[in-house]
Amino acid sequence: MYEAYWELTEAPFDNSPNPRFFYLSPEHEEALVRLVYTVRHRKGCGMLTGEYGCGKTTLSRALIQRLEAERYEIGLLTNPSWSPIDFLREVLYQLGVETTEQRKPELLHQLNDVFYSNYQAGRDSVIIVDEAQLIDDDAVFEELRLLLNFQTDERFLVTLLLIGSPELAVKIRRLKHLDQRITLRYHLNTLDATHTASYIAHRLRMAGREKPLFTEEAVKLIFEFTRGTPREINNLCDVALLVGYGKRAKEISERIIADVIKDMVGVP
């Protein structure tokens, strides 16, 4: 509702994982490079961890955009609270195969057929498990490990990417057989003060605003409150734009940010 007032073409701080708004900080770029390398060189299994709200999901969508659709068959799994059988069926579904099969051997045969069919067609199969820390059944982690047994004499038939919060790394360390299969791993941190300012400017630019909108003091306060967590930056900036619109402000000042923070933390 405030877009026209601020000369924006769309809301710049929506928390949906739109890869067009993806901001490549040095750490995000390094994480993306490692994930792309894992896939393109068929390294078997890679893991990306990061604090809540630091941009892991948006990064995974940016990765998918960088993988050529004609070469890669990608299955993206989210909210992974499954039983082992449900997990295998979900992998098949995300790869375009719907099945009512409930027996594990048959499901594995179907997966093998999909992976091998892609291999023969010159395509690579990629399974991305987002929010993987939500897996609470070790048997599902075992199924993940067993996916890496699908291979020829020369290469893996599937690349597995696990993405989650720091709790994922803790869970994986307990599971030595899976931990040893992870070839590349990376931990994504939050933004520093400089990149917080660049992040805000980038998202405004992607939404059609070239001129500065937040004052330097406002950006400093945003960083102090959010500690550079992109999701929290988005929430704070979005409400600030709404409040500034309501006040018919010319820019988003430190005072507006302070007022929004007070509302967020419940301070009278």
C-alpha atoms as a PDB file:
ATOM      1  CA  MET A   1       0.000   0.000   0.000  1.00  0.00           C
ATOM      2  CA  TYR A   2       3.008   2.324   0.397  1.00  0.00           C
ATOM      3  CA  GLU A   3       4.843   1.476  -2.843  1.00  0.00           C
ATOM      4  CA  ALA A   4       3.622   4.404  -4.962  1.00  0.00           C
ATOM      5  CA  TYR A   5       4.330   6.905  -2.200  1.00  0.00           C
ATOM      6  CA  TRP A   6       7.973   5.806  -1.946  1.00  0.00           C
ATOM      7  CA  GLU A   7       8.330   5.518  -5.763  1.00  0.00           C
ATOM      8  CA  LEU A   8       8.655   1.745  -5.625  1.00  0.00           C
ATOM      9  CA  THR A   9       7.415  -0.775  -8.169  1.00  0.00           C
ATOM     10  CA  GLU A  10       6.877  -3.453  -5.514  1.00  0.00           C
ATOM     11  CA  ALA A  11       7.413  -4.134  -1.804  1.00  0.00           C
ATOM     12  CA  PRO A  12      11.203  -4.338  -1.349  1.00  0.00           C
ATOM     13  CA  PHE A  13      11.356  -6.147   1.972  1.00  0.00           C
ATOM     14  CA  ASP A  14       9.073  -9.113   1.524  1.00  0.00           C
ATOM     15  CA  ASN A  15      10.404 -12.236   3.230  1.00  0.00           C
ATOM     16  CA  SER A  16       9.550 -14.624   0.400  1.00  0.00           C
ATOM     17  CA  PRO A  17      12.675 -16.288  -1.080  1.00  0.00           C
ATOM     18  CA  ASN A  18      12.631 -14.314  -4.327  1.00  0.00           C
ATOM     19  CA  PRO A  19      16.052 -14.878  -5.956  1.00  0.00           C
ATOM     20  CA  ARG A  20      15.760 -11.554  -7.782  1.00  0.00           C
ATOM     21  CA  PHE A  21      16.256  -9.814  -4.427  1.00  0.00           C
ATOM     22  CA  PHE A  22      19.141 -12.079  -3.456  1.00  0.00           C
ATOM     23  CA  TYR A  23      22.039 -10.002  -2.104  1.00  0.00           C
ATOM     24  CA  LEU A  24      25.487 -11.412  -2.737  1.00  0.00           C
ATOM     25  CA  SER A  25      27.542 -10.529   0.309  1.00  0.00           C
ATOM     26  CA  PRO A  26      31.037 -12.087   0.235  1.00  0.00           C
ATOM     27  CA  GLU A  27      29.818 -14.903   2.515  1.00  0.00           C
ATOM     28  CA  HIS A  28      26.673 -15.525   0.476  1.00  0.00           C
ATOM     29  CA  GLU A  29      28.756 -15.581  -2.691  1.00  0.00           C
ATOM     30  CA  GLU A  30      31.193 -18.081  -1.161  1.00  0.00           C
ATOM     31  CA  ALA A  31      28.313 -20.283  -0.041  1.00  0.00           C
ATOM     32  CA  LEU A  32      26.773 -20.169  -3.515  1.00  0.00           C
ATOM     33  CA  VAL A  33      30.112 -20.973  -5.177  1.00  0.00           C
ATOM     34  CA  ARG A  34      30.530 -24.030  -2.958  1.00  0.00           C
ATOM     35  CA  LEU A  35      27.017 -25.286  -3.609  1.00  0.00           C
ATOM     36  CA  VAL A  36      27.377 -24.819  -7.374  1.00  0.00           C
ATOM     37  CA  TYR A  37      30.744 -26.601  -7.269  1.00  0.00           C
ATOM     38  CA  THR A  38      29.225 -29.508  -5.317  1.00  0.00           C
ATOM     39  CA  VAL A  39      26.519 -29.929  -7.949  1.00  0.00           C
ATOM     40  CA  ARG A  40      28.512 -29.325 -11.125  1.00  0.00           C
ATOM     41  CA  HIS A  41      31.337 -31.627 -10.061  1.00  0.00           C
ATOM     42  CA  ARG A  42      28.984 -34.288  -8.651  1.00  0.00           C
ATOM     43  CA  LYS A  43      30.584 -34.314  -5.206  1.00  0.00           C
ATOM     44  CA  GLY A  44      27.836 -36.417  -3.664  1.00  0.00           C
ATOM     45  CA  CYS A  45      26.756 -34.433  -0.623  1.00  0.00           C
ATOM     46  CA  GLY A  46      27.135 -30.833   0.527  1.00  0.00           C
ATOM     47  CA  MET A  47      25.799 -29.073   3.611  1.00  0.00           C
ATOM     48  CA  LEU A  48      24.979 -25.408   4.203  1.00  0.00           C
ATOM     49  CA  THR A  49      24.189 -24.203   7.716  1.00  0.00           C
ATOM     50  CA  GLY A  50      23.436 -20.721   8.980  1.00  0.00           C
ATOM     51  CA  GLU A  51      21.646 -18.765  11.658  1.00  0.00           C
ATOM     52  CA  TYR A  52      17.882 -18.375  11.434  1.00  0.00           C
ATOM     53  CA  GLY A  53      16.907 -15.694   8.945  1.00  0.00           C
ATOM     54  CA  CYS A  54      20.340 -15.284   7.358  1.00  0.00           C
ATOM     55  CA  GLY A  55      19.171 -16.074   3.809  1.00  0.00           C
ATOM     56  CA  LYS A  56      19.709 -19.822   3.366  1.00  0.00           C
ATOM     57  CA  THR A  57      16.377 -20.442   1.648  1.00  0.00           C
ATOM     58  CA  THR A  58      16.788 -17.489  -0.722  1.00  0.00           C
ATOM     59  CA  LEU A  59      20.288 -18.756  -1.488  1.00  0.00           C
ATOM     60  CA  SER A  60      18.927 -22.191  -2.372  1.00  0.00           C
ATOM     61  CA  ARG A  61      16.509 -20.582  -4.844  1.00  0.00           C
ATOM     62  CA  ALA A  62      19.369 -18.560  -6.328  1.00  0.00           C
ATOM     63  CA  LEU A  63      21.273 -21.818  -6.747  1.00  0.00           C
ATOM     64  CA  ILE A  64      18.372 -23.397  -8.627  1.00  0.00           C
ATOM     65  CA  GLN A  65      18.297 -20.402 -10.983  1.00  0.00           C
ATOM     66  CA  ARG A  66      21.971 -20.935 -11.788  1.00  0.00           C
ATOM     67  CA  LEU A  67      21.519 -24.593 -12.694  1.00  0.00           C
ATOM     68  CA  GLU A  68      20.502 -25.114 -16.306  1.00  0.00           C
ATOM     69  CA  ALA A  69      17.040 -26.668 -16.507  1.00  0.00           C
ATOM     70  CA  GLU A  70      18.021 -28.802 -19.500  1.00  0.00           C
ATOM     71  CA  ARG A  71      20.918 -30.375 -17.588  1.00  0.00           C
ATOM     72  CA  TYR A  72      19.594 -30.737 -14.042  1.00  0.00           C
ATOM     73  CA  GLU A  73      16.538 -32.493 -12.616  1.00  0.00           C
ATOM     74  CA  ILE A  74      16.047 -30.836  -9.221  1.00  0.00           C
ATOM     75  CA  GLY A  75      13.891 -32.011  -6.351  1.00  0.00           C
ATOM     76  CA  LEU A  76      13.363 -29.370  -3.649  1.00  0.00           C
ATOM     77  CA  LEU A  77      12.111 -30.735  -0.332  1.00  0.00           C
ATOM     78  CA  THR A  78      10.883 -28.368   2.395  1.00  0.00           C
ATOM     79  CA  ASN A  79       9.455 -28.853   5.905  1.00  0.00           C
ATOM     80  CA  PRO A  80      10.997 -32.328   6.172  1.00  0.00           C
ATOM     81  CA  SER A  81       9.070 -33.958   9.020  1.00  0.00           C
ATOM     82  CA  TRP A  82       8.632 -37.344   7.407  1.00  0.00           C
ATOM     83  CA  SER A  83       8.799 -41.028   8.090  1.00  0.00           C
ATOM     84  CA  PRO A  84      11.400 -42.868   5.962  1.00  0.00           C
ATOM     85  CA  ILE A  85       8.723 -44.105   3.539  1.00  0.00           C
ATOM     86  CA  ASP A  86       7.162 -40.650   3.234  1.00  0.00           C
ATOM     87  CA  PHE A  87      10.616 -39.221   2.566  1.00  0.00           C
ATOM     88  CA  LEU A  88      11.261 -41.597  -0.334  1.00  0.00           C
ATOM     89  CA  ARG A  89       7.830 -40.883  -1.793  1.00  0.00           C
ATOM     90  CA  GLU A  90       8.428 -37.127  -1.463  1.00  0.00           C
ATOM     91  CA  VAL A  91      11.747 -37.407  -3.310  1.00  0.00           C
ATOM     92  CA  LEU A  92       9.983 -39.238  -6.119  1.00  0.00           C
ATOM     93  CA  TYR A  93       7.175 -36.672  -6.184  1.00  0.00           C
ATOM     94  CA  GLN A  94       9.599 -33.754  -6.400  1.00  0.00           C
ATOM     95  CA  LEU A  95      11.295 -35.527  -9.306  1.00  0.00           C
ATOM     96  CA  GLY A  96       7.962 -35.821 -11.105  1.00  0.00           C
ATOM     97  CA  VAL A  97       6.897 -39.350 -10.102  1.00  0.00           C
ATOM     98  CA  GLU A  98       3.668 -39.778  -8.155  1.00  0.00           C
ATOM     99  CA  THR A  99       3.267 -43.144  -6.468  1.00  0.00           C
ATOM    100  CA  THR A 100       1.051 -44.823  -3.899  1.00  0.00           C
ATOM    101  CA  GLU A 101       3.709 -47.461  -3.232  1.00  0.00           C
ATOM    102  CA  GLN A 102       4.329 -48.074   0.492  1.00  0.00           C
ATOM    103  CA  ARG A 103       7.078 -50.702   0.330  1.00  0.00           C
ATOM    104  CA  LYS A 104      10.631 -49.461   0.644  1.00  0.00           C
ATOM    105  CA  PRO A 105      12.307 -51.847  -1.848  1.00  0.00           C
ATOM    106  CA  GLU A 106       9.898 -50.846  -4.602  1.00  0.00           C
ATOM    107  CA  LEU A 107      10.339 -47.147  -3.828  1.00  0.00           C
ATOM    108  CA  LEU A 108      14.107 -47.548  -4.039  1.00  0.00           C
ATOM    109  CA  HIS A 109      13.737 -49.332  -7.372  1.00  0.00           C
ATOM    110  CA  GLN A 110      11.658 -46.428  -8.661  1.00  0.00           C
ATOM    111  CA  LEU A 111      14.282 -43.944  -7.479  1.00  0.00           C
ATOM    112  CA  ASN A 112      17.022 -45.932  -9.161  1.00  0.00           C
ATOM    113  CA  ASP A 113      15.032 -45.894 -12.393  1.00  0.00           C
ATOM    114  CA  VAL A 114      14.619 -42.100 -12.206  1.00  0.00           C
ATOM    115  CA  PHE A 115      18.286 -41.444 -11.416  1.00  0.00           C
ATOM    116  CA  TYR A 116      19.530 -43.836 -14.076  1.00  0.00           C
ATOM    117  CA  SER A 117      17.088 -42.514 -16.675  1.00  0.00           C
ATOM    118  CA  ASN A 118      18.377 -38.983 -16.051  1.00  0.00           C
ATOM    119  CA  TYR A 119      21.944 -40.247 -16.287  1.00  0.00           C
ATOM    120  CA  GLN A 120      21.299 -41.900 -19.640  1.00  0.00           C
ATOM    121  CA  ALA A 121      19.655 -38.708 -20.900  1.00  0.00           C
ATOM    122  CA  GLY A 122      22.715 -36.653 -19.911  1.00  0.00           C
ATOM    123  CA  ARG A 123      20.965 -34.989 -16.968  1.00  0.00           C
ATOM    124  CA  ASP A 124      22.050 -34.817 -13.324  1.00  0.00           C
ATOM    125  CA  SER A 125      19.666 -35.490 -10.438  1.00  0.00           C
ATOM    126  CA  VAL A 126      19.864 -33.052  -7.517  1.00  0.00           C
ATOM    127  CA  ILE A 127      17.998 -33.333  -4.204  1.00  0.00           C
ATOM    128  CA  ILE A 128      17.886 -30.206  -2.015  1.00  0.00           C
ATOM    129  CA  VAL A 129      16.544 -30.630   1.526  1.00  0.00           C
ATOM    130  CA  ASP A 130      15.745 -27.234   3.047  1.00  0.00           C
ATOM    131  CA  GLU A 131      15.152 -26.836   6.805  1.00  0.00           C
ATOM    132  CA  ALA A 132      16.871 -30.208   7.220  1.00  0.00           C
ATOM    133  CA  GLN A 133      17.320 -29.589  10.967  1.00  0.00           C
ATOM    134  CA  LEU A 134      13.595 -30.399  11.294  1.00  0.00           C
ATOM    135  CA  ILE A 135      14.266 -34.062  10.512  1.00  0.00           C
ATOM    136  CA  ASP A 136      13.728 -35.748  13.865  1.00  0.00           C
ATOM    137  CA  ASP A 137      13.925 -39.383  12.780  1.00  0.00           C
ATOM    138  CA  ASP A 138      17.460 -40.738  12.384  1.00  0.00           C
ATOM    139  CA  ALA A 139      16.050 -43.334   9.999  1.00  0.00           C
ATOM    140  CA  VAL A 140      15.361 -40.510   7.515  1.00  0.00           C
ATOM    141  CA  PHE A 141      18.993 -39.391   7.759  1.00  0.00           C
ATOM    142  CA  GLU A 142      19.938 -42.992   7.014  1.00  0.00           C
ATOM    143  CA  GLU A 143      17.776 -42.900   3.880  1.00  0.00           C
ATOM    144  CA  LEU A 144      19.558 -39.695   2.874  1.00  0.00           C
ATOM    145  CA  ARG A 145      22.892 -41.457   3.249  1.00  0.00           C
ATOM    146  CA  LEU A 146      21.693 -44.425   1.234  1.00  0.00           C
ATOM    147  CA  LEU A 147      20.742 -42.155  -1.672  1.00  0.00           C
ATOM    148  CA  LEU A 148      24.474 -41.675  -2.155  1.00  0.00           C
ATOM    149  CA  ASN A 149      24.790 -45.394  -2.885  1.00  0.00           C
ATOM    150  CA  PHE A 150      23.099 -44.761  -6.221  1.00  0.00           C
ATOM    151  CA  GLN A 151      26.165 -44.501  -8.441  1.00  0.00           C
ATOM    152  CA  THR A 152      28.005 -45.959 -11.375  1.00  0.00           C
ATOM    153  CA  ASP A 153      31.670 -46.988 -11.309  1.00  0.00           C
ATOM    154  CA  GLU A 154      32.609 -43.421 -12.274  1.00  0.00           C
ATOM    155  CA  ARG A 155      30.168 -41.060 -10.534  1.00  0.00           C
ATOM    156  CA  PHE A 156      27.267 -40.465  -8.176  1.00  0.00           C
ATOM    157  CA  LEU A 157      23.849 -40.617  -9.808  1.00  0.00           C
ATOM    158  CA  VAL A 158      22.463 -37.985  -7.417  1.00  0.00           C
ATOM    159  CA  THR A 159      23.825 -34.922  -5.628  1.00  0.00           C
ATOM    160  CA  LEU A 160      22.393 -34.245  -2.176  1.00  0.00           C
ATOM    161  CA  LEU A 161      22.371 -30.788  -0.573  1.00  0.00           C
ATOM    162  CA  LEU A 162      21.355 -30.372   3.073  1.00  0.00           C
ATOM    163  CA  ILE A 163      20.418 -26.871   4.206  1.00  0.00           C
ATOM    164  CA  GLY A 164      19.532 -25.925   7.761  1.00  0.00           C
ATOM    165  CA  SER A 165      20.213 -24.103  11.014  1.00  0.00           C
ATOM    166  CA  PRO A 166      23.252 -24.843  13.219  1.00  0.00           C
ATOM    167  CA  GLU A 167      21.269 -27.653  14.870  1.00  0.00           C
ATOM    168  CA  LEU A 168      21.643 -29.590  11.620  1.00  0.00           C
ATOM    169  CA  ALA A 169      25.424 -29.757  12.003  1.00  0.00           C
ATOM    170  CA  VAL A 170      24.994 -31.068  15.556  1.00  0.00           C
ATOM    171  CA  LYS A 171      22.645 -33.811  14.371  1.00  0.00           C
ATOM    172  CA  ILE A 172      24.911 -34.777  11.494  1.00  0.00           C
ATOM    173  CA  ARG A 173      27.973 -35.078  13.741  1.00  0.00           C
ATOM    174  CA  ARG A 174      26.164 -37.787  15.720  1.00  0.00           C
ATOM    175  CA  LEU A 175      25.643 -39.791  12.540  1.00  0.00           C
ATOM    176  CA  LYS A 176      29.190 -40.728  11.575  1.00  0.00           C
ATOM    177  CA  HIS A 177      28.248 -42.675   8.445  1.00  0.00           C
ATOM    178  CA  LEU A 178      26.448 -39.640   7.003  1.00  0.00           C
ATOM    179  CA  ASP A 179      28.906 -37.078   8.371  1.00  0.00           C
ATOM    180  CA  GLN A 180      31.749 -38.816   6.537  1.00  0.00           C
ATOM    181  CA  ARG A 181      29.849 -38.597   3.238  1.00  0.00           C
ATOM    182  CA  ILE A 182      29.579 -34.793   3.278  1.00  0.00           C
ATOM    183  CA  THR A 183      32.207 -33.500   0.859  1.00  0.00           C
ATOM    184  CA  LEU A 184      31.714 -29.745   1.193  1.00  0.00           C
ATOM    185  CA  ARG A 185      30.201 -27.741   4.024  1.00  0.00           C
ATOM    186  CA  TYR A 186      29.819 -24.063   4.782  1.00  0.00           C
ATOM    187  CA  HIS A 187      28.365 -21.954   7.594  1.00  0.00           C
ATOM    188  CA  LEU A 188      26.623 -18.706   6.659  1.00  0.00           C
ATOM    189  CA  ASN A 189      26.848 -15.814   9.110  1.00  0.00           C
ATOM    190  CA  THR A 190      24.774 -12.633   9.349  1.00  0.00           C
ATOM    191  CA  LEU A 191      25.720  -9.358   7.630  1.00  0.00           C
ATOM    192  CA  ASP A 192      28.124  -6.814   9.064  1.00  0.00           C
ATOM    193  CA  ALA A 193      27.254  -3.095   9.279  1.00  0.00           C
ATOM    194  CA  THR A 194      28.604  -2.247   5.823  1.00  0.00           C
ATOM    195  CA  HIS A 195      26.766  -5.076   4.101  1.00  0.00           C
ATOM    196  CA  THR A 196      23.585  -4.335   6.042  1.00  0.00           C
ATOM    197  CA  ALA A 197      23.589  -0.889   4.409  1.00  0.00           C
ATOM    198  CA  SER A 198      24.349  -2.419   1.002  1.00  0.00           C
ATOM    199  CA  TYR A 199      21.622  -5.035   1.491  1.00  0.00           C
ATOM    200  CA  ILE A 200      18.990  -2.369   2.189  1.00  0.00           C
ATOM    201  CA  ALA A 201      20.109  -0.299  -0.819  1.00  0.00           C
ATOM    202  CA  HIS A 202      20.106  -3.396  -3.055  1.00  0.00           C
ATOM    203  CA  ARG A 203      16.563  -4.399  -2.176  1.00  0.00           C
ATOM    204  CA  LEU A 204      15.306  -0.855  -2.712  1.00  0.00           C
ATOM    205  CA  ARG A 205      17.070  -0.751  -6.070  1.00  0.00           C
ATOM    206  CA  MET A 206      15.505  -4.050  -7.126  1.00  0.00           C
ATOM    207  CA  ALA A 207      12.122  -2.531  -6.252  1.00  0.00           C
ATOM    208  CA  GLY A 208      12.743   0.490  -8.467  1.00  0.00           C
ATOM    209  CA  ARG A 209      14.167   3.047  -6.022  1.00  0.00           C
ATOM    210  CA  GLU A 210      17.591   4.416  -6.906  1.00  0.00           C
ATOM    211  CA  LYS A 211      17.668   7.404  -4.542  1.00  0.00           C
ATOM    212  CA  PRO A 212      18.530   6.874  -0.851  1.00  0.00           C
ATOM    213  CA  LEU A 213      15.487   6.373   1.345  1.00  0.00           C
ATOM    214  CA  PHE A 214      16.896   5.450   4.775  1.00  0.00           C
ATOM    215  CA  THR A 215      19.216   7.928   6.500  1.00  0.00           C
ATOM    216  CA  GLU A 216      22.666   6.758   7.596  1.00  0.00           C
ATOM    217  CA  GLU A 217      21.605   7.018  11.239  1.00  0.00           C
ATOM    218  CA  ALA A 218      18.526   4.898  10.509  1.00  0.00           C
ATOM    219  CA  VAL A 219      20.639   2.205   8.845  1.00  0.00           C
ATOM    220  CA  LYS A 220      23.037   2.157  11.800  1.00  0.00           C
ATOM    221  CA  LEU A 221      20.129   1.633  14.184  1.00  0.00           C
ATOM    222  CA  ILE A 222      18.699  -1.104  11.943  1.00  0.00           C
ATOM    223  CA  PHE A 223      22.010  -2.956  12.142  1.00  0.00           C
ATOM    224  CA  GLU A 224      22.275  -2.514  15.918  1.00  0.00           C
ATOM    225  CA  PHE A 225      18.791  -3.949  16.421  1.00  0.00           C
ATOM    226  CA  THR A 226      18.911  -6.785  13.867  1.00  0.00           C
ATOM    227  CA  ARG A 227      22.635  -7.627  14.120  1.00  0.00           C
ATOM    228  CA  GLY A 228      22.600  -8.022  10.358  1.00  0.00           C
ATOM    229  CA  THR A 229      19.992 -10.800  10.127  1.00  0.00           C
ATOM    230  CA  PRO A 230      18.301 -10.354   6.724  1.00  0.00           C
ATOM    231  CA  ARG A 231      14.880 -11.612   7.828  1.00  0.00           C
ATOM    232  CA  GLU A 232      14.819  -9.193  10.747  1.00  0.00           C
ATOM    233  CA  ILE A 233      16.081  -6.367   8.533  1.00  0.00           C
ATOM    234  CA  ASN A 234      13.184  -7.064   6.168  1.00  0.00           C
ATOM    235  CA  ASN A 235      10.613  -7.038   8.960  1.00  0.00           C
ATOM    236  CA  LEU A 236      11.916  -3.797  10.442  1.00  0.00           C
ATOM    237  CA  CYS A 237      12.310  -1.963   7.141  1.00  0.00           C
ATOM    238  CA  ASP A 238       8.895  -3.061   5.854  1.00  0.00           C
ATOM    239  CA  VAL A 239       7.081  -1.680   8.920  1.00  0.00           C
ATOM    240  CA  ALA A 240       9.243   1.456   8.827  1.00  0.00           C
ATOM    241  CA  LEU A 241       8.123   2.157   5.249  1.00  0.00           C
ATOM    242  CA  LEU A 242       4.512   1.724   6.310  1.00  0.00           C
ATOM    243  CA  VAL A 243       4.937   4.040   9.309  1.00  0.00           C
ATOM    244  CA  GLY A 244       6.799   6.620   7.215  1.00  0.00           C
ATOM    245  CA  TYR A 245       4.016   6.512   4.647  1.00  0.00           C
ATOM    246  CA  GLY A 246       1.451   7.084   7.374  1.00  0.00           C
ATOM    247  CA  LYS A 247       3.416  10.087   8.651  1.00  0.00           C
ATOM    248  CA  ARG A 248       3.946  11.405   5.101  1.00  0.00           C
ATOM    249  CA  ALA A 249       7.671  11.457   5.839  1.00  0.00           C
ATOM    250  CA  LYS A 250      10.218  12.453   3.202  1.00  0.00           C
ATOM    251  CA  GLU A 251      12.678   9.740   4.286  1.00  0.00           C
ATOM    252  CA  ILE A 252      13.041   6.993   6.869  1.00  0.00           C
ATOM    253  CA  SER A 253      14.826   8.587   9.795  1.00  0.00           C
ATOM    254  CA  GLU A 254      16.428   7.184  12.914  1.00  0.00           C
ATOM    255  CA  ARG A 255      13.361   8.387  14.831  1.00  0.00           C
ATOM    256  CA  ILE A 256      10.986   6.335  12.700  1.00  0.00           C
ATOM    257  CA  ILE A 257      13.182   3.242  13.115  1.00  0.00           C
ATOM    258  CA  ALA A 258      13.344   3.812  16.898  1.00  0.00           C
ATOM    259  CA  ASP A 259       9.537   4.074  17.080  1.00  0.00           C
ATOM    260  CA  VAL A 260       9.108   0.854  15.105  1.00  0.00           C
ATOM    261  CA  ILE A 261      11.603  -0.950  17.343  1.00  0.00           C
ATOM    262  CA  LYS A 262       9.693   0.190  20.422  1.00  0.00           C
ATOM    263  CA  ASP A 263       6.509  -1.265  18.962  1.00  0.00           C
ATOM    264  CA  MET A 264       8.278  -4.516  18.076  1.00  0.00           C
ATOM    265  CA  VAL A 265       9.700  -5.065  21.561  1.00  0.00           C
ATOM    266  CA  GLY A 266       6.564  -3.832  23.321  1.00  0.00           C
ATOM    267  CA  VAL A 267       8.039  -0.721  24.923  1.00  0.00           C
ATOM    268  CA  PRO A 268       5.400   1.962  25.731  1.00  0.00           C
END
